[in-house]
Amino acid sequence: VRGLCGTYNWDQQDEFTTPAGDVETGVTAFANQYRASGDCPVLGPLPLQPCDAFAGRREVAEAACAILHGPAFQ
């Protein structure tokens, strides 16, 4: 198993393995390797502020995060 959620092999050194099999050292470079071709902008060196970039989706994101922080995932 390999992808945006990691490798599930208990080795944190290879968590940022790209589809090509390379291991990136930074979050931005890693995320850019999984970009849907042309559908998403290339991320820059600064962290994306999703609440600023997608203000209209804040409520949906907070509801999804509430599920992840809920008892089912503890």
N, C-alpha and C. Protein backbone atom coordinates (compact mmCIF):
# COMPACT_ATOMS: atom_id res chain seq x y z
N VAL A 1 0.87 -1.17 0.00
CA VAL A 1 0.00 0.00 0.00
C VAL A 1 0.91 1.23 0.00
N ARG A 2 0.62 2.14 -0.90
CA ARG A 2 1.42 3.37 -0.97
C ARG A 2 0.53 4.47 -1.49
N GLY A 3 0.68 5.66 -0.97
CA GLY A 3 -0.11 6.77 -1.43
C GLY A 3 -0.10 7.93 -0.46
N LEU A 4 -1.09 8.77 -0.58
CA LEU A 4 -1.16 9.96 0.26
C LEU A 4 -1.28 9.64 1.74
N CYS A 5 -1.75 8.48 2.08
CA CYS A 5 -1.89 8.11 3.49
C CYS A 5 -0.68 7.35 4.02
N GLY A 6 0.37 7.22 3.27
CA GLY A 6 1.57 6.55 3.74
C GLY A 6 1.72 5.16 3.15
N THR A 7 2.68 4.42 3.73
CA THR A 7 3.02 3.10 3.20
C THR A 7 2.56 1.94 4.08
N TYR A 8 2.16 2.23 5.31
CA TYR A 8 1.68 1.21 6.24
C TYR A 8 2.68 0.09 6.48
N ASN A 9 3.96 0.44 6.56
CA ASN A 9 4.97 -0.59 6.84
C ASN A 9 5.75 -0.26 8.12
N TRP A 10 5.28 0.70 8.90
CA TRP A 10 5.87 1.12 10.16
C TRP A 10 7.25 1.76 10.01
N ASP A 11 7.64 2.13 8.79
CA ASP A 11 8.91 2.80 8.54
C ASP A 11 8.61 4.24 8.14
N GLN A 12 8.82 5.17 9.06
CA GLN A 12 8.49 6.57 8.79
C GLN A 12 9.42 7.21 7.75
N GLN A 13 10.53 6.58 7.44
CA GLN A 13 11.47 7.15 6.48
C GLN A 13 10.95 7.10 5.04
N ASP A 14 9.95 6.26 4.76
CA ASP A 14 9.45 6.17 3.39
C ASP A 14 7.98 6.59 3.25
N GLU A 15 7.48 7.34 4.21
CA GLU A 15 6.07 7.75 4.17
C GLU A 15 5.76 8.64 2.97
N PHE A 16 6.71 9.41 2.50
CA PHE A 16 6.48 10.31 1.36
C PHE A 16 6.93 9.68 0.06
N THR A 17 6.65 8.41 -0.15
CA THR A 17 6.99 7.72 -1.39
C THR A 17 6.02 8.15 -2.49
N THR A 18 6.57 8.58 -3.62
CA THR A 18 5.77 9.09 -4.73
C THR A 18 5.30 7.94 -5.62
N PRO A 19 4.39 8.20 -6.55
CA PRO A 19 3.97 7.16 -7.48
C PRO A 19 5.13 6.56 -8.28
N ALA A 20 6.19 7.35 -8.49
CA ALA A 20 7.35 6.87 -9.25
C ALA A 20 8.31 6.06 -8.38
N GLY A 21 8.05 6.00 -7.06
CA GLY A 21 8.91 5.23 -6.17
C GLY A 21 9.98 6.06 -5.48
N ASP A 22 10.06 7.36 -5.78
CA ASP A 22 11.01 8.24 -5.11
C ASP A 22 10.47 8.60 -3.74
N VAL A 23 11.35 9.00 -2.83
CA VAL A 23 10.92 9.46 -1.51
C VAL A 23 11.21 10.95 -1.41
N GLU A 24 10.17 11.74 -1.26
CA GLU A 24 10.32 13.19 -1.11
C GLU A 24 10.59 13.52 0.36
N THR A 25 11.25 14.64 0.60
CA THR A 25 11.56 15.03 1.97
C THR A 25 10.61 16.09 2.50
N GLY A 26 9.86 16.73 1.61
CA GLY A 26 8.95 17.79 2.05
C GLY A 26 7.51 17.51 1.65
N VAL A 27 6.60 18.04 2.44
CA VAL A 27 5.17 17.83 2.21
C VAL A 27 4.73 18.39 0.86
N THR A 28 5.19 19.59 0.52
CA THR A 28 4.77 20.24 -0.72
C THR A 28 5.19 19.45 -1.94
N ALA A 29 6.46 19.04 -1.98
CA ALA A 29 6.95 18.27 -3.13
C ALA A 29 6.21 16.95 -3.24
N PHE A 30 5.94 16.31 -2.09
CA PHE A 30 5.21 15.06 -2.08
C PHE A 30 3.79 15.24 -2.61
N ALA A 31 3.09 16.24 -2.12
CA ALA A 31 1.71 16.49 -2.55
C ALA A 31 1.64 16.81 -4.04
N ASN A 32 2.62 17.55 -4.55
CA ASN A 32 2.63 17.87 -5.98
C ASN A 32 2.75 16.63 -6.86
N GLN A 33 3.38 15.57 -6.35
CA GLN A 33 3.52 14.34 -7.13
C GLN A 33 2.18 13.62 -7.31
N TYR A 34 1.22 13.88 -6.43
CA TYR A 34 -0.09 13.24 -6.50
C TYR A 34 -1.16 14.16 -7.09
N ARG A 35 -0.75 15.29 -7.64
CA ARG A 35 -1.70 16.23 -8.25
C ARG A 35 -2.41 15.58 -9.42
N ALA A 36 -3.72 15.81 -9.51
CA ALA A 36 -4.46 15.37 -10.69
C ALA A 36 -4.02 16.27 -11.84
N SER A 37 -3.59 15.69 -12.93
CA SER A 37 -2.99 16.47 -14.01
C SER A 37 -3.86 17.65 -14.44
N GLY A 38 -3.36 18.84 -14.18
CA GLY A 38 -4.01 20.05 -14.63
C GLY A 38 -5.21 20.49 -13.80
N ASP A 39 -5.75 19.62 -12.98
CA ASP A 39 -6.93 19.97 -12.20
C ASP A 39 -6.61 20.78 -10.96
N CYS A 40 -5.43 20.61 -10.42
CA CYS A 40 -5.04 21.30 -9.19
C CYS A 40 -3.81 22.16 -9.46
N PRO A 41 -3.73 23.31 -8.81
CA PRO A 41 -2.54 24.14 -8.99
C PRO A 41 -1.34 23.51 -8.31
N VAL A 42 -0.15 23.79 -8.84
CA VAL A 42 1.08 23.33 -8.21
C VAL A 42 1.24 24.08 -6.90
N LEU A 43 1.51 23.36 -5.83
CA LEU A 43 1.69 24.00 -4.54
C LEU A 43 3.05 24.68 -4.49
N GLY A 44 3.08 25.85 -3.89
CA GLY A 44 4.32 26.58 -3.71
C GLY A 44 5.01 26.16 -2.43
N PRO A 45 6.11 26.83 -2.11
CA PRO A 45 6.87 26.44 -0.92
C PRO A 45 6.16 26.78 0.40
N LEU A 46 5.23 27.70 0.37
CA LEU A 46 4.51 28.06 1.60
C LEU A 46 3.34 27.12 1.81
N PRO A 47 3.01 26.81 3.04
CA PRO A 47 1.85 25.93 3.29
C PRO A 47 0.55 26.57 2.79
N LEU A 48 -0.28 25.78 2.17
CA LEU A 48 -1.58 26.22 1.71
C LEU A 48 -2.48 26.46 2.91
N GLN A 49 -3.19 27.55 2.89
CA GLN A 49 -4.17 27.84 3.94
C GLN A 49 -5.54 27.53 3.37
N PRO A 50 -6.01 26.30 3.52
CA PRO A 50 -7.24 25.88 2.86
C PRO A 50 -8.46 26.70 3.24
N CYS A 51 -8.53 27.18 4.47
CA CYS A 51 -9.70 27.98 4.85
C CYS A 51 -9.71 29.33 4.13
N ASP A 52 -8.53 29.85 3.82
CA ASP A 52 -8.46 31.09 3.06
C ASP A 52 -8.73 30.85 1.57
N ALA A 53 -8.18 29.75 1.03
CA ALA A 53 -8.31 29.46 -0.39
C ALA A 53 -9.71 28.98 -0.77
N PHE A 54 -10.36 28.27 0.13
CA PHE A 54 -11.67 27.68 -0.16
C PHE A 54 -12.66 28.01 0.96
N ALA A 55 -12.86 29.29 1.20
CA ALA A 55 -13.68 29.75 2.33
C ALA A 55 -15.09 29.15 2.31
N GLY A 56 -15.66 28.93 1.14
CA GLY A 56 -17.01 28.38 1.05
C GLY A 56 -17.12 26.93 1.45
N ARG A 57 -16.01 26.24 1.59
CA ARG A 57 -16.01 24.82 1.93
C ARG A 57 -15.64 24.56 3.40
N ARG A 58 -15.49 25.62 4.16
CA ARG A 58 -15.06 25.48 5.56
C ARG A 58 -16.00 24.59 6.37
N GLU A 59 -17.30 24.79 6.25
CA GLU A 59 -18.26 24.00 7.03
C GLU A 59 -18.18 22.52 6.68
N VAL A 60 -18.03 22.21 5.40
CA VAL A 60 -17.92 20.81 4.97
C VAL A 60 -16.64 20.20 5.54
N ALA A 61 -15.55 20.93 5.49
CA ALA A 61 -14.27 20.43 6.01
C ALA A 61 -14.34 20.22 7.52
N GLU A 62 -14.95 21.14 8.23
CA GLU A 62 -15.05 20.99 9.68
C GLU A 62 -15.91 19.78 10.05
N ALA A 63 -16.97 19.52 9.29
CA ALA A 63 -17.82 18.35 9.54
C ALA A 63 -17.04 17.06 9.30
N ALA A 64 -16.24 17.03 8.22
CA ALA A 64 -15.44 15.84 7.92
C ALA A 64 -14.37 15.62 8.99
N CYS A 65 -13.75 16.69 9.44
CA CYS A 65 -12.72 16.57 10.48
C CYS A 65 -13.33 16.13 11.80
N ALA A 66 -14.55 16.54 12.07
CA ALA A 66 -15.22 16.13 13.31
C ALA A 66 -15.37 14.61 13.35
N ILE A 67 -15.64 14.02 12.21
CA ILE A 67 -15.75 12.55 12.13
C ILE A 67 -14.40 11.90 12.44
N LEU A 68 -13.32 12.45 11.85
CA LEU A 68 -11.99 11.90 12.08
C LEU A 68 -11.53 12.06 13.53
N HIS A 69 -11.98 13.12 14.18
CA HIS A 69 -11.61 13.33 15.58
C HIS A 69 -12.59 12.67 16.54
N GLY A 70 -13.60 12.03 16.02
CA GLY A 70 -14.63 11.39 16.84
C GLY A 70 -14.20 10.04 17.41
N PRO A 71 -15.09 9.42 18.16
CA PRO A 71 -14.76 8.17 18.84
C PRO A 71 -14.44 7.00 17.89
N ALA A 72 -14.95 7.00 16.70
CA ALA A 72 -14.69 5.88 15.78
C ALA A 72 -13.20 5.76 15.42
N PHE A 73 -12.46 6.87 15.49
CA PHE A 73 -11.05 6.86 15.10
C PHE A 73 -10.10 7.03 16.28
N GLN A 74 -10.58 6.80 17.50
CA GLN A 74 -9.72 6.94 18.66
C GLN A 74 -9.15 5.63 19.11
